[in-house]
C-alpha cells in the first residue's frame, strides 16, 4: 500500500505561482512513477505531468508545458508541481497518483496508476 497526501493548493490571482506537494508513505520503494492529474468542474480528470521515480524522465501535457515543472525528492518521498503564470483555466482539483506495477497502459491514463491522493483545490481568479 502507498498513501499519498497533497498540499499547497489555494486561491490565487492570475499570473501568480503555487507549488503543490505530494507526500508518499508506505511501500514507496515499489513506485515506478508518479504523476499529477487535475479535474475542473464539469470536466473529466486530465493528465498534467509525470515523473519517473528513478532517473530523469518527465512528461507534460501540452497545455502546461513551459509553465509547470514536476520534480521529486526521493529522500523525502515527495513529489512537487511548481506552477507559474497561473491562469483561470488552471482552476481544478489537483491529485497526485503513483504507479507501482509494470503495465502497458500509458502514463497519461488514469488507469495506469494504482494509488491516488485526496486532491488539493487550486482556484485562480482573473
Protein backbone atom coordinates (compact mmCIF):
# COMPACT_ATOMS: atom_id res chain seq x y z
CA UNK A 1 0.00 0.00 0.00
CA UNK A 2 1.06 3.55 -0.75
CA UNK A 3 -0.53 6.57 0.85
CA UNK A 4 -0.45 9.94 -0.90
CA UNK A 5 -1.23 13.32 0.62
CA UNK A 6 -1.30 16.53 -1.41
CA UNK A 7 -0.84 20.05 -0.11
CA UNK A 8 -0.16 23.53 -1.37
CA UNK A 9 -3.36 24.43 -3.14
CA UNK A 10 -5.21 27.67 -2.60
CA UNK A 11 -6.83 30.74 -4.06
CA UNK A 12 -4.50 32.88 -6.13
CA UNK A 13 -4.72 35.57 -8.77
CA UNK A 14 -3.86 35.07 -12.40
CA UNK A 15 -0.16 35.34 -13.02
CA UNK A 16 0.86 34.14 -9.58
CA UNK A 17 2.62 30.90 -8.71
CA UNK A 18 1.99 27.90 -6.50
CA UNK A 19 3.95 24.83 -5.50
CA UNK A 20 2.00 21.68 -4.86
CA UNK A 21 3.44 18.83 -2.86
CA UNK A 22 2.56 15.15 -2.73
CA UNK A 23 3.98 13.22 0.20
CA UNK A 24 4.12 9.46 -0.20
CA UNK A 25 4.31 6.89 2.58
CA UNK A 26 4.08 3.15 2.91
CA UNK A 27 5.61 0.90 0.24
CA UNK A 28 7.24 3.77 -1.63
CA UNK A 29 10.06 1.51 -2.79
CA UNK A 30 7.53 -0.15 -5.08
CA UNK A 31 6.77 3.02 -7.04
CA UNK A 32 7.81 3.24 -10.68
CA UNK A 33 6.41 6.67 -11.39
CA UNK A 34 4.22 9.42 -10.05
CA UNK A 35 2.01 11.91 -11.75
CA UNK A 36 -0.28 14.89 -11.32
CA UNK A 37 -3.76 14.97 -12.75
CA UNK A 38 -6.39 17.66 -12.46
CA UNK A 39 -10.15 17.82 -12.72
CA UNK A 40 -12.04 21.02 -13.38
CA UNK A 41 -15.75 21.34 -12.59
CA UNK A 42 -17.83 19.51 -15.14
CA UNK A 43 -14.80 18.03 -16.89
CA UNK A 44 -13.00 14.72 -16.87
CA UNK A 45 -9.79 14.22 -14.97
CA UNK A 46 -6.84 15.06 -17.20
CA UNK A 47 -3.15 14.32 -17.17
CA UNK A 48 -0.86 17.18 -16.17
CA UNK A 49 2.65 15.81 -15.66
CA UNK A 50 4.54 12.67 -14.72
CA UNK A 51 7.97 11.81 -13.37
CA UNK A 52 9.79 8.53 -13.09
CA UNK A 53 10.73 7.59 -9.54
CA UNK A 54 14.28 6.86 -10.68
CA UNK A 55 16.12 8.62 -13.46
CA UNK A 56 15.28 11.94 -15.05
CA UNK A 57 12.31 11.13 -17.21
CA UNK A 58 9.43 13.61 -17.12
CA UNK A 59 6.46 14.38 -19.33
CA UNK A 60 3.92 17.17 -19.51
CA UNK A 61 0.58 17.84 -21.08
CA UNK A 62 0.97 20.28 -23.92
CA UNK A 63 -1.37 22.72 -22.18
CA UNK A 64 1.01 23.17 -19.26
CA UNK A 65 4.42 22.74 -20.86
CA UNK A 66 6.64 25.70 -20.10
CA UNK A 67 4.63 26.84 -17.06
CA UNK A 68 4.57 23.70 -14.90
CA UNK A 69 7.59 21.86 -13.55
CA UNK A 70 7.38 18.45 -11.94
CA UNK A 71 10.10 17.23 -9.63
CA UNK A 72 10.68 14.77 -6.83
CA UNK A 73 12.80 14.36 -3.73
CA UNK A 74 13.34 10.65 -3.19
CA UNK A 75 14.88 11.19 0.24
CA UNK A 76 11.65 12.83 1.37
CA UNK A 77 9.37 10.60 -0.72
CA UNK A 78 7.78 13.75 -2.03
CA UNK A 79 6.79 14.94 -5.48
CA UNK A 80 6.26 18.58 -6.37
CA UNK A 81 4.50 20.58 -9.02
CA UNK A 82 5.69 24.14 -9.50
CA UNK A 83 3.00 26.13 -11.28
CA UNK A 84 3.91 29.52 -12.70
CA UNK A 85 1.87 32.13 -14.54
CA UNK A 86 -1.38 30.66 -13.33
CA UNK A 87 -4.44 31.15 -15.50
CA UNK A 88 -8.13 30.93 -14.59
CA UNK A 89 -8.37 27.80 -16.73
CA UNK A 90 -5.90 26.10 -14.37
CA UNK A 91 -8.63 26.08 -11.73
CA UNK A 92 -9.18 22.46 -10.73
CA UNK A 93 -8.66 19.84 -8.08
CA UNK A 94 -5.11 18.60 -8.47
CA UNK A 95 -4.45 14.99 -7.49
CA UNK A 96 -1.27 13.00 -7.36
CA UNK A 97 -1.03 9.37 -8.32
CA UNK A 98 1.50 6.57 -8.01
CA UNK A 99 2.23 3.65 -10.30
CA UNK A 100 3.53 0.52 -8.59
CA UNK A 101 3.27 -2.06 -11.35
CA UNK A 102 4.67 -2.61 -14.79
CA UNK A 103 1.93 -2.02 -17.32
CA UNK A 104 1.45 -1.23 -20.97
CA UNK A 105 -1.08 1.43 -20.04
CA UNK A 106 0.35 4.79 -20.89
CA UNK A 107 1.46 7.15 -18.16
CA UNK A 108 -1.07 9.78 -19.23
CA UNK A 109 -4.00 7.48 -18.46
CA UNK A 110 -5.64 7.43 -15.05
CA UNK A 111 -5.86 3.66 -15.38
CA UNK A 112 -2.09 3.41 -15.27
CA UNK A 113 -1.95 4.38 -11.59
CA UNK A 114 -2.71 2.34 -8.53
CA UNK A 115 -2.87 4.88 -5.73
CA UNK A 116 -4.35 8.35 -5.52
CA UNK A 117 -4.32 11.21 -3.10
CA UNK A 118 -7.41 13.07 -1.99
CA UNK A 119 -6.64 16.14 -4.09
CA UNK A 120 -5.94 19.79 -3.40
CA UNK A 121 -8.01 22.66 -4.78
CA UNK A 122 -6.37 25.31 -6.92
CA UNK A 123 -8.54 28.31 -7.74
CA UNK A 124 -7.25 31.08 -9.97
CA UNK A 125 -9.13 34.37 -10.10
CA UNK A 126 -8.87 36.71 -13.05
